[in-house]
Amino acid sequence: MPDPFPPLLEALARHSIGGPAPMHMPGHKRNTALAPYLAALGAAWDITEIHGFDDLHEAEGILKESMDRAARLWGAQRSFYLVNGSTCGILAGIRAAAGHGGKVILSRGCHKSVYHALELCGAVPVWLAPPVDESFGVLASITPEQVRAALAAHPDAKLLVLASPTYEGVISDLAAICTAAHAAGVPVLVDEAHGAHLGLAPGWPAGAVAAGADVVVQSLHKTLPSLTQTGILHQQGDLIPAEALARQLGIFETSSPSYLLMASMDGCVDLLERRGGELFARWQAALASFDRAIAGLTRLRVLCHGADTLQKHPGLFAHDPGKLVISTRGTALTGPGLMARLREEFSIELEMASGDWAIAMTGLGDTEENLLRLVRALVAIDKSLAACPMPPAAKPLPLPPAVLPVAQALELPCEEVPLGACEGRVSAEYVWAYPPGIPLIVPGERVDRVFLDCCARLNRQGVRLHSTGGTMPRALRVLICASHSTSTKGD
């Protein structure tokens, strides 16, 4: 017998058959005969906030019931559905906590949406530089000691922001970090976009809600069965009130939320309530089969999988087993090269690639056969690789020196300069290796040789660099102001 429709989808299905004449938005009027694409996209269930279907921003009916079920599932005090992805939740959470001009302690490894929030709020950042895992070169865990030192040095901080797990699946000791922050009266916002599945079943690392974070923002679509662009924000405690978050979500989230997206989230919650244990167990079994099958790899390595263990990575507090970070270090193959070979030779599309590693993301929908298909491809590639000298242990790159706050730098006159001629100048824009969207430099930081060498290395390895103005890697926008020109290079 097929599974029943979840509540919101059931209501939409009934409405599409016998509902009243739609003298309201959207303009397709649920007329799927108008064009084939409308039927394919489910337009018969695409409505606006009409009687009986609640209002996301003032929920008191079917949407409130769905979000309350989500809060119980994740153990939060209150949960908010996000139809603008995790980005709008991060913008709203930072604005609600930091206000305008507040000081924010944050990991430099945060997603670019966090930087955009700092810009919009005129916030003053205090950077936490993540350590680097020496053998794989990925950013390691932010430590409680780093956080305690930053809190002691900046007692006026309004907020602490961390990404855990990171794009590479690295998890920080959030319980100890939240304890330290709360002792100083500082709330914690965790960008858990990649970890909506954590803590929902035995055998998986605990999530940020259980660790005590005040605001947790998750992308449901990244690892759980929900449509792209769906996310959720969890709130608990009184350091960042739910009412303040709701007000900011009213600013940063659309006032015309898609019922197809909301039905997707409602369906995800319903599925996890009814069959979560079974589905998580299947996912774990598939990952266990993957681990056993890659034990014989001799050139490629997979972070914390197969022969590689967490104990070999002292800088990692924990790792999300759902992320498969495949290292090519010690071979002539780059991360983008591995990604290309998997696509062209084996018809497997990875999530992203960096200099000498690439990421295969798994999710609740993965099957054992899906992962074993990846195994067969990796084994074949592994056999084709010759050994090369292992590069030196990866070291953290020092942050470019800050000259001006981000918001101030963005308001000053700038010019486009060839990248090779930018040393000593002050950047007027962001530069990202995207994905994952972590800035290599932000507006107001001085271009130094370390940054330029990093850009050159990533280019050689085939990693695409993006900048606000779209001119990378050819050129960079830098400030014109004479006091921040090359003459101040040694300041």
Protein backbone atom coordinates (compact mmCIF):
# COMPACT_ATOMS: atom_id res chain seq x y z
CA MET A 1 0.00 0.00 0.00
CA PRO A 2 1.55 3.36 -0.98
CA ASP A 3 2.46 5.86 1.70
CA PRO A 4 -0.24 8.46 2.36
CA PHE A 5 0.32 12.06 1.30
CA PRO A 6 1.64 14.28 4.10
CA PRO A 7 -0.92 16.78 5.45
CA LEU A 8 -0.09 19.86 3.35
CA LEU A 9 0.23 17.91 0.10
CA GLU A 10 -3.04 16.11 0.83
CA ALA A 11 -4.77 19.47 1.29
CA LEU A 12 -3.26 20.79 -1.95
CA ALA A 13 -4.34 17.66 -3.84
CA ARG A 14 -7.93 18.00 -2.63
CA HIS A 15 -7.96 21.69 -3.48
CA SER A 16 -6.64 21.06 -7.01
CA ILE A 17 -9.61 18.79 -7.76
CA GLY A 18 -12.58 20.51 -6.21
CA GLY A 19 -11.39 23.90 -4.98
CA PRO A 20 -13.10 27.21 -5.69
CA ALA A 21 -12.46 29.22 -8.86
CA PRO A 22 -8.99 30.81 -8.44
CA MET A 23 -9.55 34.56 -8.73
CA HIS A 24 -6.17 35.10 -7.09
CA MET A 25 -2.47 34.58 -7.79
CA PRO A 26 -0.61 32.81 -9.39
CA GLY A 27 -1.35 33.74 -12.98
CA HIS A 28 -1.37 30.20 -14.36
CA LYS A 29 -4.64 29.66 -12.41
CA ARG A 30 -3.80 25.96 -11.94
CA ASN A 31 -4.65 25.55 -15.65
CA THR A 32 -2.16 22.82 -16.52
CA ALA A 33 -3.62 22.53 -20.04
CA LEU A 34 -2.22 25.98 -20.77
CA ALA A 35 1.27 24.58 -21.42
CA PRO A 36 2.95 21.19 -20.89
CA TYR A 37 5.59 22.58 -18.52
CA LEU A 38 2.91 23.62 -16.02
CA ALA A 39 1.70 20.05 -15.59
CA ALA A 40 5.27 18.77 -15.36
CA LEU A 41 6.07 21.26 -12.59
CA GLY A 42 2.96 20.49 -10.53
CA ALA A 43 1.17 23.79 -11.13
CA ALA A 44 -2.15 22.22 -10.15
CA TRP A 45 -0.87 22.39 -6.55
CA ASP A 46 0.75 25.80 -6.82
CA ILE A 47 -1.32 28.32 -4.87
CA THR A 48 -0.93 31.45 -2.79
CA GLU A 49 -2.01 32.17 0.80
CA ILE A 50 -5.72 31.50 0.53
CA HIS A 51 -8.35 30.46 3.05
CA GLY A 52 -7.45 27.21 4.77
CA PHE A 53 -3.80 27.18 3.77
CA ASP A 54 -2.30 29.47 6.42
CA ASP A 55 0.38 32.18 6.06
CA LEU A 56 4.04 31.29 6.52
CA HIS A 57 4.85 34.62 8.18
CA GLU A 58 1.89 34.50 10.59
CA ALA A 59 1.33 30.78 10.78
CA GLU A 60 -1.52 29.56 12.96
CA GLY A 61 -2.98 26.64 11.01
CA ILE A 62 -1.62 23.85 8.81
CA LEU A 63 1.82 25.47 8.39
CA LYS A 64 2.18 26.11 12.13
CA GLU A 65 1.29 22.50 12.83
CA SER A 66 3.91 21.34 10.34
CA MET A 67 6.64 23.58 11.77
CA ASP A 68 5.74 22.48 15.30
CA ARG A 69 6.20 18.86 14.21
CA ALA A 70 9.61 19.81 12.80
CA ALA A 71 10.59 21.45 16.08
CA ARG A 72 9.70 18.27 17.96
CA LEU A 73 11.64 16.13 15.48
CA TRP A 74 14.86 18.13 15.86
CA GLY A 75 14.29 18.98 19.54
CA ALA A 76 14.08 22.75 19.04
CA GLN A 77 11.98 25.26 20.92
CA ARG A 78 10.62 26.69 17.66
CA SER A 79 11.28 26.03 13.98
CA PHE A 80 10.71 28.20 10.91
CA TYR A 81 10.49 26.91 7.34
CA LEU A 82 12.76 28.71 4.87
CA VAL A 83 11.82 28.90 1.19
CA ASN A 84 14.80 31.13 0.32
CA GLY A 85 17.30 28.49 1.40
CA SER A 86 19.64 28.67 4.36
CA THR A 87 20.82 32.08 3.18
CA CYS A 88 17.74 33.93 4.39
CA GLY A 89 17.94 32.18 7.76
CA ILE A 90 21.56 33.19 8.21
CA LEU A 91 20.82 36.79 7.24
CA ALA A 92 17.86 36.94 9.62
CA GLY A 93 19.69 35.25 12.50
CA ILE A 94 22.73 37.52 12.34
CA ARG A 95 20.62 40.65 12.02
CA ALA A 96 18.40 39.62 14.95
CA ALA A 97 21.40 39.01 17.21
CA ALA A 98 23.99 41.58 16.13
CA GLY A 99 21.76 44.50 15.15
CA HIS A 100 23.60 47.24 13.28
CA GLY A 101 27.32 47.69 13.88
CA GLY A 102 27.63 44.87 16.42
CA LYS A 103 30.78 42.83 16.87
CA VAL A 104 30.55 39.25 15.61
CA ILE A 105 33.04 36.45 16.32
CA LEU A 106 33.05 34.04 13.42
CA SER A 107 35.00 31.35 11.68
CA ARG A 108 36.74 32.45 8.50
CA GLY A 109 35.41 29.19 7.05
CA CYS A 110 31.81 30.43 7.02
CA HIS A 111 29.72 30.48 3.84
CA LYS A 112 29.55 33.70 1.84
CA SER A 113 26.01 34.41 3.08
CA VAL A 114 27.52 35.10 6.53
CA TYR A 115 29.82 37.70 4.99
CA HIS A 116 26.88 39.27 3.21
CA ALA A 117 25.07 39.50 6.54
CA LEU A 118 28.07 41.31 8.07
CA GLU A 119 28.00 43.71 5.15
CA LEU A 120 24.27 44.41 5.48
CA CYS A 121 24.52 44.89 9.24
CA GLY A 122 27.71 46.95 9.17
CA ALA A 123 29.01 44.40 11.67
CA VAL A 124 32.57 44.28 12.96
CA PRO A 125 34.07 40.81 12.38
CA VAL A 126 36.48 39.04 14.71
CA TRP A 127 37.93 36.18 12.70
CA LEU A 128 38.58 32.69 14.00
CA ALA A 129 41.13 31.07 11.68
CA PRO A 130 40.37 27.33 11.38
CA PRO A 131 43.36 25.00 11.67
CA VAL A 132 44.16 22.89 8.60
CA ASP A 133 44.26 19.11 8.49
CA GLU A 134 47.83 18.35 7.45
CA SER A 135 47.20 15.21 5.40
CA PHE A 136 44.10 16.24 3.42
CA GLY A 137 44.45 20.02 3.43
CA VAL A 138 40.83 20.67 4.48
CA LEU A 139 39.90 23.15 7.19
CA ALA A 140 39.83 21.43 10.58
CA SER A 141 37.59 22.04 13.61
CA ILE A 142 37.31 25.36 15.42
CA THR A 143 38.38 24.61 18.99
CA PRO A 144 36.73 25.66 22.26
CA GLU A 145 40.09 27.21 23.23
CA GLN A 146 39.98 29.50 20.19
CA VAL A 147 36.47 30.56 21.09
CA ARG A 148 37.26 31.20 24.76
CA ALA A 149 40.27 33.34 23.80
CA ALA A 150 38.18 35.40 21.37
CA LEU A 151 35.40 35.88 23.93
CA ALA A 152 37.91 37.05 26.54
CA ALA A 153 39.51 39.47 24.10
CA HIS A 154 36.17 40.83 22.88
CA PRO A 155 33.73 40.99 25.80
CA ASP A 156 31.48 43.30 23.74
CA ALA A 157 30.79 40.63 21.11
CA LYS A 158 27.12 40.25 20.23
CA LEU A 159 27.23 36.87 18.50
CA LEU A 160 29.35 33.83 17.68
CA VAL A 161 28.87 32.23 14.23
CA LEU A 162 30.27 28.85 13.20
CA ALA A 163 29.82 26.45 10.29
CA SER A 164 29.55 22.85 11.49
CA PRO A 165 29.66 20.55 9.66
CA THR A 166 31.68 22.27 6.99
CA TYR A 167 31.34 21.50 3.29
CA GLU A 168 33.94 18.78 3.89
CA GLY A 169 31.96 17.28 6.79
CA VAL A 170 34.21 18.57 9.58
CA ILE A 171 32.39 19.02 12.89
CA SER A 172 33.48 21.20 15.81
CA ASP A 173 32.91 20.56 19.52
CA LEU A 174 29.71 22.61 19.57
CA ALA A 175 28.63 21.55 23.06
CA ALA A 176 31.82 22.90 24.65
CA ILE A 177 31.76 25.98 22.42
CA CYS A 178 28.15 26.80 23.29
CA THR A 179 28.90 26.37 26.99
CA ALA A 180 31.79 28.85 26.72
CA ALA A 181 29.79 31.38 24.74
CA HIS A 182 26.76 31.22 27.02
CA ALA A 183 28.96 31.69 30.07
CA ALA A 184 29.97 35.00 28.48
CA GLY A 185 26.35 35.86 27.65
CA VAL A 186 26.97 35.51 23.90
CA PRO A 187 24.48 33.62 21.70
CA VAL A 188 25.63 31.07 19.12
CA LEU A 189 24.40 30.75 15.55
CA VAL A 190 25.44 27.56 13.75
CA ASP A 191 25.33 27.30 9.99
CA GLU A 192 24.38 23.63 9.85
CA ALA A 193 23.33 23.81 6.20
CA HIS A 194 25.17 20.55 5.51
CA GLY A 195 23.99 18.77 8.65
CA ALA A 196 20.19 18.66 8.76
CA HIS A 197 20.47 14.87 9.17
CA LEU A 198 22.74 14.97 12.23
CA GLY A 199 21.34 13.71 15.49
CA LEU A 200 18.20 12.24 13.94
CA ALA A 201 19.22 8.60 14.26
CA PRO A 202 21.61 6.45 16.32
CA GLY A 203 25.13 6.20 14.96
CA TRP A 204 25.28 9.72 13.57
CA PRO A 205 27.08 12.63 15.25
CA ALA A 206 24.91 14.90 17.36
CA GLY A 207 23.64 18.11 15.81
CA ALA A 208 23.84 21.76 16.82
CA VAL A 209 20.39 21.85 18.42
CA ALA A 210 21.37 19.14 20.92
CA ALA A 211 24.66 20.99 21.52
CA GLY A 212 22.71 24.03 22.77
CA ALA A 213 23.10 26.50 19.89
CA ASP A 214 20.63 29.37 20.04
CA VAL A 215 19.94 29.47 16.30
CA VAL A 216 20.61 26.60 13.89
CA VAL A 217 20.11 27.03 10.16
CA GLN A 218 19.83 23.90 8.00
CA SER A 219 19.37 23.19 4.31
CA LEU A 220 16.91 20.33 4.15
CA HIS A 221 17.62 19.71 0.49
CA LYS A 222 21.34 19.00 0.87
CA THR A 223 21.05 15.60 2.54
CA LEU A 224 17.34 14.97 3.18
CA PRO A 225 14.44 14.30 0.77
CA SER A 226 13.24 17.85 0.15
CA LEU A 227 13.29 20.09 -2.91
CA THR A 228 16.21 22.38 -3.66
CA GLN A 229 15.94 25.77 -1.92
CA THR A 230 14.18 24.41 1.17
CA GLY A 231 15.68 25.06 4.58
CA ILE A 232 14.74 25.38 8.22
CA LEU A 233 15.75 27.59 11.13
CA HIS A 234 15.63 26.24 14.68
CA GLN A 235 15.54 28.52 17.75
CA GLN A 236 15.94 27.81 21.44
CA GLY A 237 16.68 29.79 24.59
CA ASP A 238 16.07 33.49 25.15
CA LEU A 239 19.33 35.08 23.95
CA ILE A 240 17.87 35.43 20.43
CA PRO A 241 14.08 35.60 20.86
CA ALA A 242 11.87 33.82 18.32
CA GLU A 243 9.91 37.04 17.82
CA ALA A 244 13.06 38.87 16.71
CA LEU A 245 13.85 36.10 14.25
CA ALA A 246 10.32 36.12 12.86
CA ARG A 247 10.57 39.86 12.24
CA GLN A 248 13.87 39.51 10.38
CA LEU A 249 12.58 36.57 8.36
CA GLY A 250 9.77 38.87 7.26
CA ILE A 251 12.48 41.11 5.80
CA PHE A 252 14.82 38.56 4.22
CA GLU A 253 12.36 35.87 3.12
CA THR A 254 9.87 36.25 0.29
CA SER A 255 6.33 37.29 1.18
CA SER A 256 5.06 34.91 -1.55
CA PRO A 257 6.35 31.51 -0.40
CA SER A 258 5.95 28.57 -2.75
CA TYR A 259 3.45 26.00 -1.52
CA LEU A 260 5.26 23.37 -3.56
CA LEU A 261 8.42 24.04 -1.54
CA MET A 262 6.52 24.12 1.74
CA ALA A 263 4.74 20.88 0.86
CA SER A 264 8.16 19.39 0.19
CA MET A 265 9.32 20.36 3.69
CA ASP A 266 6.13 19.08 5.27
CA GLY A 267 6.59 15.84 3.38
CA CYS A 268 10.20 15.55 4.54
CA VAL A 269 9.18 15.94 8.19
CA ASP A 270 6.35 13.46 7.75
CA LEU A 271 8.65 10.90 6.13
CA LEU A 272 11.27 11.23 8.85
CA GLU A 273 8.63 10.82 11.55
CA ARG A 274 7.24 7.65 10.01
CA ARG A 275 10.25 5.97 8.41
CA GLY A 276 13.32 7.87 9.57
CA GLY A 277 14.82 4.98 11.54
CA GLU A 278 14.53 2.57 8.62
CA LEU A 279 15.89 5.05 6.05
CA PHE A 280 18.82 6.17 8.18
CA ALA A 281 19.75 2.55 8.84
CA ARG A 282 19.74 1.90 5.07
CA TRP A 283 22.00 4.92 4.50
CA GLN A 284 24.40 3.74 7.22
CA ALA A 285 24.50 0.25 5.74
CA ALA A 286 25.32 1.68 2.30
CA LEU A 287 28.17 3.74 3.77
CA ALA A 288 29.48 0.68 5.63
CA SER A 289 29.55 -1.25 2.34
CA PHE A 290 31.41 1.65 0.75
CA ASP A 291 33.99 1.57 3.53
CA ARG A 292 34.62 -2.13 3.11
CA ALA A 293 34.87 -1.88 -0.66
CA ILE A 294 37.47 0.92 -0.73
CA ALA A 295 39.82 -0.74 1.75
CA GLY A 296 42.17 -1.72 -1.07
CA LEU A 297 42.74 1.77 -2.52
CA THR A 298 46.47 2.50 -2.72
CA ARG A 299 46.67 6.03 -4.19
CA LEU A 300 43.33 7.70 -3.50
CA ARG A 301 42.18 8.22 0.08
CA VAL A 302 38.75 9.06 1.50
CA LEU A 303 38.61 11.17 4.65
CA CYS A 304 37.59 9.07 7.68
CA HIS A 305 36.49 6.21 5.42
CA GLY A 306 38.04 2.89 4.47
CA ALA A 307 41.58 2.68 5.80
CA ASP A 308 41.49 6.32 6.90
CA THR A 309 40.17 6.93 10.42
CA LEU A 310 39.28 9.91 12.58
CA GLN A 311 42.23 9.10 14.85
CA LYS A 312 44.60 10.00 11.99
CA HIS A 313 43.23 13.57 12.03
CA PRO A 314 43.85 15.14 15.46
CA GLY A 315 42.51 18.49 14.28
CA LEU A 316 39.06 17.04 13.63
CA PHE A 317 36.70 16.80 16.58
CA ALA A 318 34.30 14.67 14.52
CA HIS A 319 33.39 14.00 10.91
CA ASP A 320 30.06 13.54 9.16
CA PRO A 321 30.18 10.06 7.58
CA GLY A 322 27.81 11.20 4.85
CA LYS A 323 30.56 13.29 3.22
CA LEU A 324 33.09 11.48 1.04
CA VAL A 325 36.17 13.69 0.65
CA ILE A 326 38.43 11.96 -1.87
CA SER A 327 42.08 13.05 -1.76
CA THR A 328 44.41 12.88 -4.78
CA ARG A 329 47.51 14.06 -2.87
CA GLY A 330 50.58 12.07 -3.79
CA THR A 331 49.35 11.52 -7.37
CA ALA A 332 49.52 13.58 -10.57
CA LEU A 333 45.73 13.95 -10.51
CA THR A 334 44.08 17.10 -9.15
CA GLY A 335 40.68 17.33 -7.49
CA PRO A 336 39.10 18.89 -10.60
CA GLY A 337 40.86 16.22 -12.68
CA LEU A 338 39.29 13.47 -10.58
CA MET A 339 35.89 15.13 -10.89
CA ALA A 340 36.30 15.30 -14.69
CA ARG A 341 37.37 11.64 -15.00
CA LEU A 342 34.42 10.45 -12.93
CA ARG A 343 32.07 12.48 -15.10
CA GLU A 344 33.56 11.62 -18.50
CA GLU A 345 34.58 7.98 -17.97
CA PHE A 346 32.01 6.74 -15.45
CA SER A 347 29.04 9.14 -15.76
CA ILE A 348 29.27 10.10 -12.09
CA GLU A 349 28.86 13.76 -11.13
CA LEU A 350 30.49 14.85 -7.87
CA GLU A 351 29.44 17.79 -5.72
CA MET A 352 32.60 19.89 -6.00
CA ALA A 353 36.37 19.80 -6.34
CA SER A 354 39.21 21.80 -4.86
CA GLY A 355 42.96 21.70 -5.47
CA ASP A 356 43.75 18.09 -4.59
CA TRP A 357 40.49 16.68 -3.32
CA ALA A 358 36.88 16.33 -4.42
CA ILE A 359 33.62 15.72 -2.59
CA ALA A 360 30.97 13.09 -3.23
CA MET A 361 27.90 13.98 -1.20
CA THR A 362 25.64 11.22 -0.01
CA GLY A 363 22.12 11.61 1.30
CA LEU A 364 19.13 9.76 2.65
CA GLY A 365 18.15 8.78 -0.89
CA ASP A 366 21.40 6.96 -1.64
CA THR A 367 21.35 3.21 -2.10
CA GLU A 368 24.11 0.66 -1.63
CA GLU A 369 24.29 0.15 -5.41
CA ASN A 370 24.72 3.89 -5.95
CA LEU A 371 27.73 3.99 -3.61
CA LEU A 372 29.23 0.78 -4.99
CA ARG A 373 29.07 2.31 -8.46
CA LEU A 374 31.29 5.09 -7.13
CA VAL A 375 33.56 2.45 -5.56
CA ARG A 376 34.07 0.68 -8.89
CA ALA A 377 35.01 3.96 -10.53
CA LEU A 378 37.45 4.90 -7.76
CA VAL A 379 39.11 1.49 -7.83
CA ALA A 380 39.60 1.74 -11.59
CA ILE A 381 41.05 5.24 -11.36
CA ASP A 382 43.23 4.24 -8.41
CA LYS A 383 44.81 1.42 -10.44
CA SER A 384 45.66 3.86 -13.24
CA LEU A 385 47.55 6.27 -11.00
CA ALA A 386 51.29 6.28 -10.47
CA ALA A 387 52.80 7.38 -7.19
CA CYS A 388 54.21 10.90 -7.01
CA PRO A 389 56.12 12.56 -4.17
CA MET A 390 53.72 13.44 -1.39
CA PRO A 391 53.51 17.22 -1.03
CA PRO A 392 54.49 18.81 2.29
CA ALA A 393 51.95 18.75 5.09
CA ALA A 394 49.24 21.34 4.52
CA LYS A 395 49.53 24.47 6.64
CA PRO A 396 46.95 27.17 7.36
CA LEU A 397 47.21 30.26 5.19
CA PRO A 398 47.50 33.49 7.17
CA LEU A 399 44.55 35.80 6.66
CA PRO A 400 45.23 38.83 4.47
CA PRO A 401 45.87 41.88 6.68
CA ALA A 402 42.71 43.89 7.38
CA VAL A 403 42.86 47.61 6.63
CA LEU A 404 39.19 48.65 6.67
CA PRO A 405 35.87 47.16 7.78
CA VAL A 406 34.03 45.34 4.99
CA ALA A 407 31.10 47.75 4.87
CA GLN A 408 33.37 50.81 4.67
CA ALA A 409 35.56 49.34 1.95
CA LEU A 410 32.52 48.64 -0.20
CA GLU A 411 31.56 52.33 -0.18
CA LEU A 412 34.92 53.68 -1.42
CA PRO A 413 35.95 54.33 -5.04
CA CYS A 414 37.70 51.42 -6.73
CA GLU A 415 39.37 50.44 -9.97
CA GLU A 416 40.04 47.24 -11.86
CA VAL A 417 43.70 46.22 -11.85
CA PRO A 418 45.40 43.15 -13.38
CA LEU A 419 45.72 40.55 -10.65
CA GLY A 420 49.49 40.36 -10.90
CA ALA A 421 49.77 44.09 -10.23
CA CYS A 422 47.59 44.11 -7.11
CA GLU A 423 50.11 43.28 -4.41
CA GLY A 424 49.93 45.88 -1.66
CA ARG A 425 46.57 47.23 -2.81
CA VAL A 426 43.37 46.93 -0.74
CA SER A 427 40.67 44.68 -2.14
CA ALA A 428 37.31 46.25 -2.93
CA GLU A 429 35.58 42.92 -3.49
CA TYR A 430 35.30 39.30 -2.42
CA VAL A 431 37.18 36.46 -4.06
CA TRP A 432 35.81 32.94 -3.63
CA ALA A 433 36.68 29.48 -4.74
CA TYR A 434 33.04 28.47 -5.28
CA PRO A 435 31.92 26.02 -4.16
CA PRO A 436 32.27 26.04 -1.19
CA GLY A 437 31.93 29.84 -1.13
CA ILE A 438 34.52 30.67 1.53
CA PRO A 439 36.24 33.99 0.72
CA LEU A 440 39.97 33.98 0.09
CA ILE A 441 39.92 37.74 0.58
CA VAL A 442 37.20 40.19 1.62
CA PRO A 443 36.76 43.91 0.92
CA GLY A 444 39.08 45.96 3.10
CA GLU A 445 41.88 43.38 3.23
CA ARG A 446 45.27 44.00 1.67
CA VAL A 447 46.38 41.84 -1.25
CA ASP A 448 49.59 40.09 -0.25
CA ARG A 449 51.91 37.56 -1.84
CA VAL A 450 50.31 34.66 0.04
CA PHE A 451 46.90 35.46 -1.48
CA LEU A 452 48.34 35.84 -4.98
CA ASP A 453 50.27 32.57 -4.71
CA CYS A 454 47.11 30.81 -3.49
CA CYS A 455 45.14 32.14 -6.48
CA ALA A 456 47.88 31.01 -8.87
CA ARG A 457 48.00 27.52 -7.34
CA LEU A 458 44.22 27.08 -7.51
CA ASN A 459 44.21 28.24 -11.12
CA ARG A 460 46.89 25.71 -12.03
CA GLN A 461 44.83 22.97 -10.38
CA GLY A 462 41.73 23.90 -12.37
CA VAL A 463 39.74 25.44 -9.51
CA ARG A 464 37.46 28.24 -10.67
CA LEU A 465 37.82 31.52 -8.81
CA HIS A 466 34.96 33.98 -8.62
CA SER A 467 34.90 37.62 -7.58
CA THR A 468 32.12 40.09 -6.97
CA GLY A 469 32.86 41.86 -10.25
CA GLY A 470 33.35 38.65 -12.21
CA THR A 471 36.88 39.51 -13.39
CA MET A 472 38.87 36.77 -11.64
CA PRO A 473 41.41 35.42 -12.32
CA ARG A 474 42.27 38.14 -14.83
CA ALA A 475 41.83 41.18 -12.59
CA LEU A 476 40.71 42.42 -9.18
CA ARG A 477 38.87 45.52 -8.02
CA VAL A 478 40.99 47.47 -5.54
CA LEU A 479 40.53 50.77 -3.74
CA ILE A 480 41.70 53.93 -5.46
CA CYS A 481 42.22 55.89 -2.24
CA ALA A 482 45.90 56.92 -2.08
CA SER A 483 46.20 56.10 1.61
CA HIS A 484 45.47 52.45 0.79
CA SER A 485 47.62 52.13 -2.36
CA THR A 486 50.86 50.24 -2.91
CA SER A 487 52.78 52.95 -1.07
CA THR A 488 51.42 51.51 2.19
CA LYS A 489 52.49 47.97 1.35
CA GLY A 490 54.73 47.72 4.38
CA ASP A 491 52.23 49.17 6.88
